[in-house]
Amino acid sequence: MTTAHDTSSCPVLTGPNNFQIWKLRIISKLRWEKALRVVTGEELKPSPGKPTSLEDPEITWILKDEKAHGIIQDHISDALLMRTGDLTSSK
């Protein structure tokens, strides 16, 4: 059974011709992976500082950003990847 978060259900972005369906699927995948808010800017990177709990909010944000970046790179064509390969953030 295929679900919205399966890699197979998210097409590879090849250009403007499939952007709209790709956008809907990639948003679904990023939401499932709890990384969408980092991409949209709704979850801002915390300022460096002393963590007040066992979990460092800055590290947590960085990991979400890296996850989102990887998901996006996995779902774009090789040609687009070559043009965006030097970008290091999901934004």
C-alpha atoms as a PDB file:
ATOM      1  CA  MET A   1       0.000   0.000   0.000  1.00  0.00           C
ATOM      2  CA  THR A   2       1.385   3.376  -0.988  1.00  0.00           C
ATOM      3  CA  THR A   3       1.003   6.287   1.394  1.00  0.00           C
ATOM      4  CA  ALA A   4       1.657  10.009   1.006  1.00  0.00           C
ATOM      5  CA  HIS A   5       5.056   9.761   2.658  1.00  0.00           C
ATOM      6  CA  ASP A   6       6.422   6.939   0.503  1.00  0.00           C
ATOM      7  CA  THR A   7       9.257   7.979  -1.772  1.00  0.00           C
ATOM      8  CA  SER A   8       7.519   6.316  -4.707  1.00  0.00           C
ATOM      9  CA  SER A   9       4.477   8.588  -4.432  1.00  0.00           C
ATOM     10  CA  CYS A  10       6.490  11.786  -4.744  1.00  0.00           C
ATOM     11  CA  PRO A  11       7.529  12.504  -8.328  1.00  0.00           C
ATOM     12  CA  VAL A  12      10.892  13.886  -9.320  1.00  0.00           C
ATOM     13  CA  LEU A  13      10.687  17.562 -10.258  1.00  0.00           C
ATOM     14  CA  THR A  14      11.798  17.919 -13.857  1.00  0.00           C
ATOM     15  CA  GLY A  15      10.645  21.467 -14.552  1.00  0.00           C
ATOM     16  CA  PRO A  16       7.576  23.674 -14.801  1.00  0.00           C
ATOM     17  CA  ASN A  17       5.523  20.926 -16.458  1.00  0.00           C
ATOM     18  CA  ASN A  18       5.224  18.871 -13.250  1.00  0.00           C
ATOM     19  CA  PHE A  19       5.862  21.535 -10.609  1.00  0.00           C
ATOM     20  CA  GLN A  20       2.302  21.759  -9.237  1.00  0.00           C
ATOM     21  CA  ILE A  21       1.912  18.031  -8.532  1.00  0.00           C
ATOM     22  CA  TRP A  22       5.505  17.847  -7.247  1.00  0.00           C
ATOM     23  CA  LYS A  23       4.825  20.753  -4.881  1.00  0.00           C
ATOM     24  CA  LEU A  24       1.733  19.057  -3.429  1.00  0.00           C
ATOM     25  CA  ARG A  25       3.574  15.759  -2.955  1.00  0.00           C
ATOM     26  CA  ILE A  26       6.766  17.270  -1.526  1.00  0.00           C
ATOM     27  CA  ILE A  27       4.755  19.343   0.967  1.00  0.00           C
ATOM     28  CA  SER A  28       3.009  16.174   2.077  1.00  0.00           C
ATOM     29  CA  LYS A  29       6.327  14.346   2.451  1.00  0.00           C
ATOM     30  CA  LEU A  30       7.967  17.212   4.356  1.00  0.00           C
ATOM     31  CA  ARG A  31       4.940  17.489   6.640  1.00  0.00           C
ATOM     32  CA  TRP A  32       5.067  13.730   7.339  1.00  0.00           C
ATOM     33  CA  GLU A  33       8.784  14.027   8.174  1.00  0.00           C
ATOM     34  CA  LYS A  34       8.069  17.017  10.458  1.00  0.00           C
ATOM     35  CA  ALA A  35      10.346  19.270   8.405  1.00  0.00           C
ATOM     36  CA  LEU A  36       7.861  21.447   6.502  1.00  0.00           C
ATOM     37  CA  ARG A  37       7.792  24.325   9.014  1.00  0.00           C
ATOM     38  CA  VAL A  38      11.564  24.752   8.642  1.00  0.00           C
ATOM     39  CA  VAL A  39      11.219  25.056   4.853  1.00  0.00           C
ATOM     40  CA  THR A  40       8.321  27.521   5.014  1.00  0.00           C
ATOM     41  CA  GLY A  41      10.058  29.671   7.626  1.00  0.00           C
ATOM     42  CA  GLU A  42       7.355  29.082  10.234  1.00  0.00           C
ATOM     43  CA  GLU A  43       9.975  27.461  12.453  1.00  0.00           C
ATOM     44  CA  LEU A  44      12.954  29.792  12.695  1.00  0.00           C
ATOM     45  CA  LYS A  45      16.441  28.713  13.638  1.00  0.00           C
ATOM     46  CA  PRO A  46      16.901  29.371  17.360  1.00  0.00           C
ATOM     47  CA  SER A  47      19.720  31.607  18.483  1.00  0.00           C
ATOM     48  CA  PRO A  48      22.740  29.760  19.784  1.00  0.00           C
ATOM     49  CA  GLY A  49      22.708  29.549  23.511  1.00  0.00           C
ATOM     50  CA  LYS A  50      22.754  27.308  26.480  1.00  0.00           C
ATOM     51  CA  PRO A  51      20.033  24.673  26.118  1.00  0.00           C
ATOM     52  CA  THR A  52      17.485  24.695  28.917  1.00  0.00           C
ATOM     53  CA  SER A  53      16.680  21.014  28.488  1.00  0.00           C
ATOM     54  CA  LEU A  54      18.359  17.825  27.357  1.00  0.00           C
ATOM     55  CA  GLU A  55      17.498  18.705  23.761  1.00  0.00           C
ATOM     56  CA  ASP A  56      19.361  21.577  22.092  1.00  0.00           C
ATOM     57  CA  PRO A  57      16.782  23.534  20.012  1.00  0.00           C
ATOM     58  CA  GLU A  58      19.436  24.781  17.576  1.00  0.00           C
ATOM     59  CA  ILE A  59      20.697  21.251  16.846  1.00  0.00           C
ATOM     60  CA  THR A  60      17.110  20.012  16.478  1.00  0.00           C
ATOM     61  CA  TRP A  61      16.403  22.750  13.917  1.00  0.00           C
ATOM     62  CA  ILE A  62      19.623  22.025  12.006  1.00  0.00           C
ATOM     63  CA  LEU A  63      18.724  18.332  11.800  1.00  0.00           C
ATOM     64  CA  LYS A  64      15.238  19.167  10.484  1.00  0.00           C
ATOM     65  CA  ASP A  65      16.746  21.524   7.899  1.00  0.00           C
ATOM     66  CA  GLU A  66      19.222  18.863   6.775  1.00  0.00           C
ATOM     67  CA  LYS A  67      16.422  16.302   6.519  1.00  0.00           C
ATOM     68  CA  ALA A  68      14.278  18.679   4.446  1.00  0.00           C
ATOM     69  CA  HIS A  69      17.227  19.553   2.214  1.00  0.00           C
ATOM     70  CA  GLY A  70      17.907  15.870   1.574  1.00  0.00           C
ATOM     71  CA  ILE A  71      14.259  15.110   0.814  1.00  0.00           C
ATOM     72  CA  ILE A  72      14.091  17.958  -1.689  1.00  0.00           C
ATOM     73  CA  GLN A  73      17.366  16.928  -3.352  1.00  0.00           C
ATOM     74  CA  ASP A  74      16.124  13.335  -3.629  1.00  0.00           C
ATOM     75  CA  HIS A  75      13.058  14.538  -5.519  1.00  0.00           C
ATOM     76  CA  ILE A  76      14.533  16.830  -8.162  1.00  0.00           C
ATOM     77  CA  SER A  77      16.022  15.828 -11.511  1.00  0.00           C
ATOM     78  CA  ASP A  78      19.756  15.443 -11.978  1.00  0.00           C
ATOM     79  CA  ALA A  79      19.775  18.592 -14.125  1.00  0.00           C
ATOM     80  CA  LEU A  80      18.130  20.629 -11.352  1.00  0.00           C
ATOM     81  CA  LEU A  81      20.395  19.040  -8.753  1.00  0.00           C
ATOM     82  CA  MET A  82      23.451  20.174 -10.700  1.00  0.00           C
ATOM     83  CA  ARG A  83      22.095  23.739 -10.635  1.00  0.00           C
ATOM     84  CA  THR A  84      21.264  23.683  -6.903  1.00  0.00           C
ATOM     85  CA  GLY A  85      23.912  21.306  -5.578  1.00  0.00           C
ATOM     86  CA  ASP A  86      25.899  24.046  -3.864  1.00  0.00           C
ATOM     87  CA  LEU A  87      22.932  25.119  -1.724  1.00  0.00           C
ATOM     88  CA  THR A  88      23.241  23.851   1.839  1.00  0.00           C
ATOM     89  CA  SER A  89      19.861  24.746   3.312  1.00  0.00           C
ATOM     90  CA  SER A  90      16.322  23.654   2.586  1.00  0.00           C
ATOM     91  CA  LYS A  91      15.235  27.276   2.162  1.00  0.00           C
END
